[in-house]
mmCIF file of all heavy atoms, coordinates in Angstrom:
data_MODEL
# 
_entry.id   MODEL 
# 
loop_
_atom_site.group_PDB 
_atom_site.id 
_atom_site.type_symbol 
_atom_site.label_atom_id 
_atom_site.label_alt_id 
_atom_site.label_comp_id 
_atom_site.label_asym_id 
_atom_site.label_entity_id 
_atom_site.label_seq_id 
_atom_site.pdbx_PDB_ins_code 
_atom_site.Cartn_x 
_atom_site.Cartn_y 
_atom_site.Cartn_z 
_atom_site.occupancy 
_atom_site.B_iso_or_equiv 
_atom_site.pdbx_formal_charge 
_atom_site.auth_seq_id 
_atom_site.auth_comp_id 
_atom_site.auth_asym_id 
_atom_site.auth_atom_id 
_atom_site.pdbx_PDB_model_num 
ATOM 1   N N   . ALA A 1 1  ? 169.607 89.797  75.450 1.00 0.00 ? 1  ALA A N   1 
ATOM 2   C CA  . ALA A 1 1  ? 169.147 90.869  76.326 1.00 0.00 ? 1  ALA A CA  1 
ATOM 3   C C   . ALA A 1 1  ? 170.317 91.667  76.869 1.00 0.00 ? 1  ALA A C   1 
ATOM 4   O O   . ALA A 1 1  ? 171.389 91.122  77.158 1.00 0.00 ? 1  ALA A O   1 
ATOM 5   C CB  . ALA A 1 1  ? 168.322 90.285  77.478 1.00 0.00 ? 1  ALA A CB  1 
ATOM 6   N N   . GLY A 1 2  ? 170.112 92.936  77.030 1.00 0.00 ? 2  GLY A N   1 
ATOM 7   C CA  . GLY A 1 2  ? 171.147 93.806  77.573 1.00 0.00 ? 2  GLY A CA  1 
ATOM 8   C C   . GLY A 1 2  ? 171.215 93.695  79.086 1.00 0.00 ? 2  GLY A C   1 
ATOM 9   O O   . GLY A 1 2  ? 170.606 92.817  79.696 1.00 0.00 ? 2  GLY A O   1 
ATOM 10  N N   . PRO A 1 3  ? 171.930 94.600  79.712 1.00 0.00 ? 3  PRO A N   1 
ATOM 11  C CA  . PRO A 1 3  ? 172.076 94.544  81.168 1.00 0.00 ? 3  PRO A CA  1 
ATOM 12  C C   . PRO A 1 3  ? 170.742 94.762  81.873 1.00 0.00 ? 3  PRO A C   1 
ATOM 13  O O   . PRO A 1 3  ? 169.867 95.458  81.371 1.00 0.00 ? 3  PRO A O   1 
ATOM 14  C CB  . PRO A 1 3  ? 173.051 95.697  81.464 1.00 0.00 ? 3  PRO A CB  1 
ATOM 15  C CG  . PRO A 1 3  ? 172.925 96.615  80.288 1.00 0.00 ? 3  PRO A CG  1 
ATOM 16  C CD  . PRO A 1 3  ? 172.643 95.747  79.110 1.00 0.00 ? 3  PRO A CD  1 
ATOM 17  N N   . ASP A 1 4  ? 170.587 94.135  83.038 1.00 0.00 ? 4  ASP A N   1 
ATOM 18  C CA  . ASP A 1 4  ? 169.359 94.309  83.806 1.00 0.00 ? 4  ASP A CA  1 
ATOM 19  C C   . ASP A 1 4  ? 169.260 95.720  84.380 1.00 0.00 ? 4  ASP A C   1 
ATOM 20  O O   . ASP A 1 4  ? 168.170 96.233  84.591 1.00 0.00 ? 4  ASP A O   1 
ATOM 21  C CB  . ASP A 1 4  ? 169.309 93.292  84.952 1.00 0.00 ? 4  ASP A CB  1 
ATOM 22  C CG  . ASP A 1 4  ? 169.113 91.878  84.430 1.00 0.00 ? 4  ASP A CG  1 
ATOM 23  O OD1 . ASP A 1 4  ? 168.520 91.732  83.348 1.00 0.00 ? 4  ASP A OD1 1 
ATOM 24  O OD2 . ASP A 1 4  ? 169.564 90.935  85.098 1.00 0.00 ? 4  ASP A OD2 1 
ATOM 25  N N   . LYS A 1 5  ? 170.401 96.319  84.622 1.00 0.00 ? 5  LYS A N   1 
ATOM 26  C CA  . LYS A 1 5  ? 170.425 97.672  85.173 1.00 0.00 ? 5  LYS A CA  1 
ATOM 27  C C   . LYS A 1 5  ? 171.223 98.585  84.243 1.00 0.00 ? 5  LYS A C   1 
ATOM 28  O O   . LYS A 1 5  ? 172.155 98.148  83.569 1.00 0.00 ? 5  LYS A O   1 
ATOM 29  C CB  . LYS A 1 5  ? 171.061 97.681  86.563 1.00 0.00 ? 5  LYS A CB  1 
ATOM 30  C CG  . LYS A 1 5  ? 170.274 96.922  87.621 1.00 0.00 ? 5  LYS A CG  1 
ATOM 31  C CD  . LYS A 1 5  ? 170.956 97.031  88.982 1.00 0.00 ? 5  LYS A CD  1 
ATOM 32  C CE  . LYS A 1 5  ? 170.156 96.287  90.050 1.00 0.00 ? 5  LYS A CE  1 
ATOM 33  N NZ  . LYS A 1 5  ? 170.818 96.386  91.386 1.00 0.00 ? 5  LYS A NZ  1 
ATOM 34  N N   . PHE A 1 6  ? 170.838 99.837  84.239 1.00 0.00 ? 6  PHE A N   1 
ATOM 35  C CA  . PHE A 1 6  ? 171.580 100.818 83.470 1.00 0.00 ? 6  PHE A CA  1 
ATOM 36  C C   . PHE A 1 6  ? 173.014 100.893 83.984 1.00 0.00 ? 6  PHE A C   1 
ATOM 37  O O   . PHE A 1 6  ? 173.247 101.050 85.188 1.00 0.00 ? 6  PHE A O   1 
ATOM 38  C CB  . PHE A 1 6  ? 170.902 102.187 83.592 1.00 0.00 ? 6  PHE A CB  1 
ATOM 39  C CG  . PHE A 1 6  ? 171.693 103.315 83.014 1.00 0.00 ? 6  PHE A CG  1 
ATOM 40  C CD1 . PHE A 1 6  ? 171.906 103.400 81.641 1.00 0.00 ? 6  PHE A CD1 1 
ATOM 41  C CD2 . PHE A 1 6  ? 172.241 104.295 83.824 1.00 0.00 ? 6  PHE A CD2 1 
ATOM 42  C CE1 . PHE A 1 6  ? 172.635 104.438 81.093 1.00 0.00 ? 6  PHE A CE1 1 
ATOM 43  C CE2 . PHE A 1 6  ? 172.976 105.341 83.294 1.00 0.00 ? 6  PHE A CE2 1 
ATOM 44  C CZ  . PHE A 1 6  ? 173.167 105.413 81.920 1.00 0.00 ? 6  PHE A CZ  1 
ATOM 45  N N   . PRO A 1 7  ? 174.005 100.750 83.095 1.00 0.00 ? 7  PRO A N   1 
ATOM 46  C CA  . PRO A 1 7  ? 175.399 100.761 83.561 1.00 0.00 ? 7  PRO A CA  1 
ATOM 47  C C   . PRO A 1 7  ? 175.811 102.137 84.069 1.00 0.00 ? 7  PRO A C   1 
ATOM 48  O O   . PRO A 1 7  ? 175.569 103.150 83.417 1.00 0.00 ? 7  PRO A O   1 
ATOM 49  C CB  . PRO A 1 7  ? 176.185 100.383 82.292 1.00 0.00 ? 7  PRO A CB  1 
ATOM 50  C CG  . PRO A 1 7  ? 175.298 100.765 81.154 1.00 0.00 ? 7  PRO A CG  1 
ATOM 51  C CD  . PRO A 1 7  ? 173.891 100.562 81.636 1.00 0.00 ? 7  PRO A CD  1 
ATOM 52  N N   . ARG A 1 8  ? 176.416 102.152 85.207 1.00 0.00 ? 8  ARG A N   1 
ATOM 53  C CA  . ARG A 1 8  ? 176.877 103.428 85.777 1.00 0.00 ? 8  ARG A CA  1 
ATOM 54  C C   . ARG A 1 8  ? 178.206 103.797 85.113 1.00 0.00 ? 8  ARG A C   1 
ATOM 55  O O   . ARG A 1 8  ? 179.237 103.181 85.369 1.00 0.00 ? 8  ARG A O   1 
ATOM 56  C CB  . ARG A 1 8  ? 177.037 103.320 87.292 1.00 0.00 ? 8  ARG A CB  1 
ATOM 57  C CG  . ARG A 1 8  ? 175.718 103.080 88.025 1.00 0.00 ? 8  ARG A CG  1 
ATOM 58  C CD  . ARG A 1 8  ? 175.889 103.077 89.528 1.00 0.00 ? 8  ARG A CD  1 
ATOM 59  N NE  . ARG A 1 8  ? 176.396 104.356 90.021 1.00 0.00 ? 8  ARG A NE  1 
ATOM 60  C CZ  . ARG A 1 8  ? 175.636 105.422 90.263 1.00 0.00 ? 8  ARG A CZ  1 
ATOM 61  N NH1 . ARG A 1 8  ? 174.338 105.353 90.060 1.00 0.00 ? 8  ARG A NH1 1 
ATOM 62  N NH2 . ARG A 1 8  ? 176.167 106.534 90.720 1.00 0.00 ? 8  ARG A NH2 1 
ATOM 63  N N   . ASN A 1 9  ? 178.161 104.797 84.263 1.00 0.00 ? 9  ASN A N   1 
ATOM 64  C CA  . ASN A 1 9  ? 179.341 105.243 83.522 1.00 0.00 ? 9  ASN A CA  1 
ATOM 65  C C   . ASN A 1 9  ? 179.267 106.762 83.382 1.00 0.00 ? 9  ASN A C   1 
ATOM 66  O O   . ASN A 1 9  ? 178.971 107.301 82.309 1.00 0.00 ? 9  ASN A O   1 
ATOM 67  C CB  . ASN A 1 9  ? 179.377 104.563 82.150 1.00 0.00 ? 9  ASN A CB  1 
ATOM 68  C CG  . ASN A 1 9  ? 180.687 104.824 81.412 1.00 0.00 ? 9  ASN A CG  1 
ATOM 69  O OD1 . ASN A 1 9  ? 181.491 105.664 81.823 1.00 0.00 ? 9  ASN A OD1 1 
ATOM 70  N ND2 . ASN A 1 9  ? 180.903 104.120 80.318 1.00 0.00 ? 9  ASN A ND2 1 
ATOM 71  N N   . PRO A 1 10 ? 179.551 107.484 84.468 1.00 0.00 ? 10 PRO A N   1 
ATOM 72  C CA  . PRO A 1 10 ? 179.390 108.946 84.443 1.00 0.00 ? 10 PRO A CA  1 
ATOM 73  C C   . PRO A 1 10 ? 180.237 109.636 83.379 1.00 0.00 ? 10 PRO A C   1 
ATOM 74  O O   . PRO A 1 10 ? 179.795 110.632 82.792 1.00 0.00 ? 10 PRO A O   1 
ATOM 75  C CB  . PRO A 1 10 ? 179.829 109.368 85.855 1.00 0.00 ? 10 PRO A CB  1 
ATOM 76  C CG  . PRO A 1 10 ? 179.670 108.144 86.690 1.00 0.00 ? 10 PRO A CG  1 
ATOM 77  C CD  . PRO A 1 10 ? 179.965 106.990 85.793 1.00 0.00 ? 10 PRO A CD  1 
ATOM 78  N N   . ASP A 1 11 ? 181.428 109.122 83.104 1.00 0.00 ? 11 ASP A N   1 
ATOM 79  C CA  . ASP A 1 11 ? 182.270 109.769 82.100 1.00 0.00 ? 11 ASP A CA  1 
ATOM 80  C C   . ASP A 1 11 ? 181.615 109.781 80.725 1.00 0.00 ? 11 ASP A C   1 
ATOM 81  O O   . ASP A 1 11 ? 181.841 110.686 79.926 1.00 0.00 ? 11 ASP A O   1 
ATOM 82  C CB  . ASP A 1 11 ? 183.619 109.047 82.002 1.00 0.00 ? 11 ASP A CB  1 
ATOM 83  C CG  . ASP A 1 11 ? 184.506 109.307 83.202 1.00 0.00 ? 11 ASP A CG  1 
ATOM 84  O OD1 . ASP A 1 11 ? 184.187 110.234 83.975 1.00 0.00 ? 11 ASP A OD1 1 
ATOM 85  O OD2 . ASP A 1 11 ? 185.503 108.581 83.378 1.00 0.00 ? 11 ASP A OD2 1 
ATOM 86  N N   . LYS A 1 12 ? 180.781 108.754 80.462 1.00 0.00 ? 12 LYS A N   1 
ATOM 87  C CA  . LYS A 1 12 ? 180.111 108.675 79.169 1.00 0.00 ? 12 LYS A CA  1 
ATOM 88  C C   . LYS A 1 12 ? 178.755 109.368 79.174 1.00 0.00 ? 12 LYS A C   1 
ATOM 89  O O   . LYS A 1 12 ? 178.410 110.070 78.218 1.00 0.00 ? 12 LYS A O   1 
ATOM 90  C CB  . LYS A 1 12 ? 179.931 107.204 78.768 1.00 0.00 ? 12 LYS A CB  1 
ATOM 91  C CG  . LYS A 1 12 ? 179.223 107.012 77.438 1.00 0.00 ? 12 LYS A CG  1 
ATOM 92  C CD  . LYS A 1 12 ? 179.164 105.547 77.014 1.00 0.00 ? 12 LYS A CD  1 
ATOM 93  C CE  . LYS A 1 12 ? 178.501 105.412 75.648 1.00 0.00 ? 12 LYS A CE  1 
ATOM 94  N NZ  . LYS A 1 12 ? 178.459 104.030 75.156 1.00 0.00 ? 12 LYS A NZ  1 
ATOM 95  N N   . TYR A 1 13 ? 177.984 109.185 80.222 1.00 0.00 ? 13 TYR A N   1 
ATOM 96  C CA  . TYR A 1 13 ? 176.585 109.590 80.193 1.00 0.00 ? 13 TYR A CA  1 
ATOM 97  C C   . TYR A 1 13 ? 176.278 110.890 80.932 1.00 0.00 ? 13 TYR A C   1 
ATOM 98  O O   . TYR A 1 13 ? 175.150 111.385 80.835 1.00 0.00 ? 13 TYR A O   1 
ATOM 99  C CB  . TYR A 1 13 ? 175.716 108.461 80.730 1.00 0.00 ? 13 TYR A CB  1 
ATOM 100 C CG  . TYR A 1 13 ? 175.679 107.273 79.803 1.00 0.00 ? 13 TYR A CG  1 
ATOM 101 C CD1 . TYR A 1 13 ? 176.213 106.039 80.169 1.00 0.00 ? 13 TYR A CD1 1 
ATOM 102 C CD2 . TYR A 1 13 ? 175.126 107.383 78.536 1.00 0.00 ? 13 TYR A CD2 1 
ATOM 103 C CE1 . TYR A 1 13 ? 176.190 104.953 79.311 1.00 0.00 ? 13 TYR A CE1 1 
ATOM 104 C CE2 . TYR A 1 13 ? 175.105 106.308 77.663 1.00 0.00 ? 13 TYR A CE2 1 
ATOM 105 C CZ  . TYR A 1 13 ? 175.637 105.095 78.056 1.00 0.00 ? 13 TYR A CZ  1 
ATOM 106 O OH  . TYR A 1 13 ? 175.616 104.030 77.194 1.00 0.00 ? 13 TYR A OH  1 
ATOM 107 N N   . VAL A 1 14 ? 177.221 111.446 81.663 1.00 0.00 ? 14 VAL A N   1 
ATOM 108 C CA  . VAL A 1 14 ? 176.995 112.731 82.321 1.00 0.00 ? 14 VAL A CA  1 
ATOM 109 C C   . VAL A 1 14 ? 177.751 113.787 81.510 1.00 0.00 ? 14 VAL A C   1 
ATOM 110 O O   . VAL A 1 14 ? 178.971 113.932 81.625 1.00 0.00 ? 14 VAL A O   1 
ATOM 111 C CB  . VAL A 1 14 ? 177.473 112.709 83.787 1.00 0.00 ? 14 VAL A CB  1 
ATOM 112 C CG1 . VAL A 1 14 ? 177.200 114.061 84.449 1.00 0.00 ? 14 VAL A CG1 1 
ATOM 113 C CG2 . VAL A 1 14 ? 176.778 111.587 84.551 1.00 0.00 ? 14 VAL A CG2 1 
ATOM 114 N N   . VAL A 1 15 ? 177.004 114.521 80.695 1.00 0.00 ? 15 VAL A N   1 
ATOM 115 C CA  . VAL A 1 15 ? 177.649 115.407 79.723 1.00 0.00 ? 15 VAL A CA  1 
ATOM 116 C C   . VAL A 1 15 ? 177.864 116.790 80.325 1.00 0.00 ? 15 VAL A C   1 
ATOM 117 O O   . VAL A 1 15 ? 177.302 117.793 79.888 1.00 0.00 ? 15 VAL A O   1 
ATOM 118 C CB  . VAL A 1 15 ? 176.825 115.474 78.419 1.00 0.00 ? 15 VAL A CB  1 
ATOM 119 C CG1 . VAL A 1 15 ? 177.627 116.167 77.321 1.00 0.00 ? 15 VAL A CG1 1 
ATOM 120 C CG2 . VAL A 1 15 ? 176.438 114.076 77.951 1.00 0.00 ? 15 VAL A CG2 1 
ATOM 121 N N   . VAL A 1 16 ? 178.694 116.840 81.357 1.00 0.00 ? 16 VAL A N   1 
ATOM 122 C CA  . VAL A 1 16 ? 179.181 118.120 81.851 1.00 0.00 ? 16 VAL A CA  1 
ATOM 123 C C   . VAL A 1 16 ? 180.363 118.536 80.979 1.00 0.00 ? 16 VAL A C   1 
ATOM 124 O O   . VAL A 1 16 ? 180.924 117.728 80.240 1.00 0.00 ? 16 VAL A O   1 
ATOM 125 C CB  . VAL A 1 16 ? 179.598 118.011 83.335 1.00 0.00 ? 16 VAL A CB  1 
ATOM 126 C CG1 . VAL A 1 16 ? 178.377 117.750 84.204 1.00 0.00 ? 16 VAL A CG1 1 
ATOM 127 C CG2 . VAL A 1 16 ? 180.644 116.930 83.526 1.00 0.00 ? 16 VAL A CG2 1 
ATOM 128 N N   . PRO A 1 17 ? 180.749 119.804 80.988 1.00 0.00 ? 17 PRO A N   1 
ATOM 129 C CA  . PRO A 1 17 ? 181.802 120.262 80.072 1.00 0.00 ? 17 PRO A CA  1 
ATOM 130 C C   . PRO A 1 17 ? 183.084 119.437 80.113 1.00 0.00 ? 17 PRO A C   1 
ATOM 131 O O   . PRO A 1 17 ? 183.679 119.169 79.067 1.00 0.00 ? 17 PRO A O   1 
ATOM 132 C CB  . PRO A 1 17 ? 182.044 121.713 80.513 1.00 0.00 ? 17 PRO A CB  1 
ATOM 133 C CG  . PRO A 1 17 ? 180.720 122.153 81.051 1.00 0.00 ? 17 PRO A CG  1 
ATOM 134 C CD  . PRO A 1 17 ? 180.142 120.944 81.723 1.00 0.00 ? 17 PRO A CD  1 
ATOM 135 N N   . SER A 1 18 ? 183.510 119.016 81.293 1.00 0.00 ? 18 SER A N   1 
ATOM 136 C CA  . SER A 1 18 ? 184.769 118.276 81.378 1.00 0.00 ? 18 SER A CA  1 
ATOM 137 C C   . SER A 1 18 ? 184.686 116.949 80.622 1.00 0.00 ? 18 SER A C   1 
ATOM 138 O O   . SER A 1 18 ? 185.676 116.484 80.031 1.00 0.00 ? 18 SER A O   1 
ATOM 139 C CB  . SER A 1 18 ? 185.144 118.034 82.841 1.00 0.00 ? 18 SER A CB  1 
ATOM 140 O OG  . SER A 1 18 ? 184.119 117.303 83.506 1.00 0.00 ? 18 SER A OG  1 
ATOM 141 N N   . ASN A 1 19 ? 183.511 116.324 80.630 1.00 0.00 ? 19 ASN A N   1 
ATOM 142 C CA  . ASN A 1 19 ? 183.334 115.091 79.875 1.00 0.00 ? 19 ASN A CA  1 
ATOM 143 C C   . ASN A 1 19 ? 183.097 115.364 78.390 1.00 0.00 ? 19 ASN A C   1 
ATOM 144 O O   . ASN A 1 19 ? 183.592 114.642 77.523 1.00 0.00 ? 19 ASN A O   1 
ATOM 145 C CB  . ASN A 1 19 ? 182.155 114.282 80.438 1.00 0.00 ? 19 ASN A CB  1 
ATOM 146 C CG  . ASN A 1 19 ? 182.467 113.679 81.795 1.00 0.00 ? 19 ASN A CG  1 
ATOM 147 O OD1 . ASN A 1 19 ? 183.623 113.463 82.132 1.00 0.00 ? 19 ASN A OD1 1 
ATOM 148 N ND2 . ASN A 1 19 ? 181.429 113.398 82.567 1.00 0.00 ? 19 ASN A ND2 1 
ATOM 149 N N   . ALA A 1 20 ? 182.318 116.399 78.108 1.00 0.00 ? 20 ALA A N   1 
ATOM 150 C CA  . ALA A 1 20 ? 181.988 116.711 76.720 1.00 0.00 ? 20 ALA A CA  1 
ATOM 151 C C   . ALA A 1 20 ? 183.235 117.060 75.915 1.00 0.00 ? 20 ALA A C   1 
ATOM 152 O O   . ALA A 1 20 ? 183.324 116.739 74.722 1.00 0.00 ? 20 ALA A O   1 
ATOM 153 C CB  . ALA A 1 20 ? 180.985 117.855 76.667 1.00 0.00 ? 20 ALA A CB  1 
ATOM 154 N N   . ARG A 1 21 ? 184.206 117.715 76.546 1.00 0.00 ? 21 ARG A N   1 
ATOM 155 C CA  . ARG A 1 21 ? 185.442 118.059 75.828 1.00 0.00 ? 21 ARG A CA  1 
ATOM 156 C C   . ARG A 1 21 ? 186.177 116.814 75.362 1.00 0.00 ? 21 ARG A C   1 
ATOM 157 O O   . ARG A 1 21 ? 186.829 116.813 74.325 1.00 0.00 ? 21 ARG A O   1 
ATOM 158 C CB  . ARG A 1 21 ? 186.353 118.897 76.730 1.00 0.00 ? 21 ARG A CB  1 
ATOM 159 C CG  . ARG A 1 21 ? 185.818 120.281 77.043 1.00 0.00 ? 21 ARG A CG  1 
ATOM 160 C CD  . ARG A 1 21 ? 186.821 121.142 77.797 1.00 0.00 ? 21 ARG A CD  1 
ATOM 161 N NE  . ARG A 1 21 ? 186.166 122.312 78.360 1.00 0.00 ? 21 ARG A NE  1 
ATOM 162 C CZ  . ARG A 1 21 ? 185.844 122.456 79.636 1.00 0.00 ? 21 ARG A CZ  1 
ATOM 163 N NH1 . ARG A 1 21 ? 186.139 121.484 80.503 1.00 0.00 ? 21 ARG A NH1 1 
ATOM 164 N NH2 . ARG A 1 21 ? 185.238 123.550 80.055 1.00 0.00 ? 21 ARG A NH2 1 
ATOM 165 N N   . LYS A 1 22 ? 186.060 115.740 76.140 1.00 0.00 ? 22 LYS A N   1 
ATOM 166 C CA  . LYS A 1 22 ? 186.693 114.483 75.736 1.00 0.00 ? 22 LYS A CA  1 
ATOM 167 C C   . LYS A 1 22 ? 185.858 113.746 74.686 1.00 0.00 ? 22 LYS A C   1 
ATOM 168 O O   . LYS A 1 22 ? 186.390 112.980 73.885 1.00 0.00 ? 22 LYS A O   1 
ATOM 169 C CB  . LYS A 1 22 ? 186.892 113.588 76.972 1.00 0.00 ? 22 LYS A CB  1 
ATOM 170 C CG  . LYS A 1 22 ? 187.918 114.121 77.951 1.00 0.00 ? 22 LYS A CG  1 
ATOM 171 C CD  . LYS A 1 22 ? 188.075 113.219 79.158 1.00 0.00 ? 22 LYS A CD  1 
ATOM 172 C CE  . LYS A 1 22 ? 186.926 113.353 80.123 1.00 0.00 ? 22 LYS A CE  1 
ATOM 173 N NZ  . LYS A 1 22 ? 187.143 112.596 81.385 1.00 0.00 ? 22 LYS A NZ  1 
ATOM 174 N N   . MET A 1 23 ? 184.545 113.983 74.679 1.00 0.00 ? 23 MET A N   1 
ATOM 175 C CA  . MET A 1 23 ? 183.659 113.294 73.748 1.00 0.00 ? 23 MET A CA  1 
ATOM 176 C C   . MET A 1 23 ? 183.770 113.833 72.321 1.00 0.00 ? 23 MET A C   1 
ATOM 177 O O   . MET A 1 23 ? 183.650 113.071 71.353 1.00 0.00 ? 23 MET A O   1 
ATOM 178 C CB  . MET A 1 23 ? 182.208 113.421 74.215 1.00 0.00 ? 23 MET A CB  1 
ATOM 179 C CG  . MET A 1 23 ? 181.881 112.675 75.485 1.00 0.00 ? 23 MET A CG  1 
ATOM 180 S SD  . MET A 1 23 ? 180.202 113.077 76.046 1.00 0.00 ? 23 MET A SD  1 
ATOM 181 C CE  . MET A 1 23 ? 180.063 112.042 77.504 1.00 0.00 ? 23 MET A CE  1 
ATOM 182 N N   . HIS A 1 24 ? 183.975 115.136 72.185 1.00 0.00 ? 24 HIS A N   1 
ATOM 183 C CA  . HIS A 1 24 ? 183.942 115.730 70.843 1.00 0.00 ? 24 HIS A CA  1 
ATOM 184 C C   . HIS A 1 24 ? 184.965 115.102 69.898 1.00 0.00 ? 24 HIS A C   1 
ATOM 185 O O   . HIS A 1 24 ? 184.606 114.721 68.769 1.00 0.00 ? 24 HIS A O   1 
ATOM 186 C CB  . HIS A 1 24 ? 184.121 117.240 70.925 1.00 0.00 ? 24 HIS A CB  1 
ATOM 187 C CG  . HIS A 1 24 ? 183.867 117.923 69.616 1.00 0.00 ? 24 HIS A CG  1 
ATOM 188 N ND1 . HIS A 1 24 ? 184.128 119.256 69.421 1.00 0.00 ? 24 HIS A ND1 1 
ATOM 189 C CD2 . HIS A 1 24 ? 183.386 117.464 68.420 1.00 0.00 ? 24 HIS A CD2 1 
ATOM 190 C CE1 . HIS A 1 24 ? 183.821 119.579 68.167 1.00 0.00 ? 24 HIS A CE1 1 
ATOM 191 N NE2 . HIS A 1 24 ? 183.374 118.509 67.550 1.00 0.00 ? 24 HIS A NE2 1 
ATOM 192 N N   . PRO A 1 25 ? 186.234 114.943 70.285 1.00 0.00 ? 25 PRO A N   1 
ATOM 193 C CA  . PRO A 1 25 ? 187.172 114.278 69.367 1.00 0.00 ? 25 PRO A CA  1 
ATOM 194 C C   . PRO A 1 25 ? 186.742 112.859 69.015 1.00 0.00 ? 25 PRO A C   1 
ATOM 195 O O   . PRO A 1 25 ? 186.964 112.401 67.884 1.00 0.00 ? 25 PRO A O   1 
ATOM 196 C CB  . PRO A 1 25 ? 188.493 114.279 70.147 1.00 0.00 ? 25 PRO A CB  1 
ATOM 197 C CG  . PRO A 1 25 ? 188.359 115.373 71.149 1.00 0.00 ? 25 PRO A CG  1 
ATOM 198 C CD  . PRO A 1 25 ? 186.916 115.401 71.516 1.00 0.00 ? 25 PRO A CD  1 
ATOM 199 N N   . VAL A 1 26 ? 186.111 112.170 69.955 1.00 0.00 ? 26 VAL A N   1 
ATOM 200 C CA  . VAL A 1 26 ? 185.656 110.800 69.692 1.00 0.00 ? 26 VAL A CA  1 
ATOM 201 C C   . VAL A 1 26 ? 184.591 110.800 68.601 1.00 0.00 ? 26 VAL A C   1 
ATOM 202 O O   . VAL A 1 26 ? 184.576 109.935 67.713 1.00 0.00 ? 26 VAL A O   1 
ATOM 203 C CB  . VAL A 1 26 ? 185.110 110.161 70.989 1.00 0.00 ? 26 VAL A CB  1 
ATOM 204 C CG1 . VAL A 1 26 ? 184.470 108.818 70.702 1.00 0.00 ? 26 VAL A CG1 1 
ATOM 205 C CG2 . VAL A 1 26 ? 186.235 110.005 72.007 1.00 0.00 ? 26 VAL A CG2 1 
# 
């Protein structure tokens, strides 16, 4: 089973431009 609660990871899951720019190369 996975985590009981959704993991709080704004850098990964909040796709504002500042985060998205880091995601594209990944």
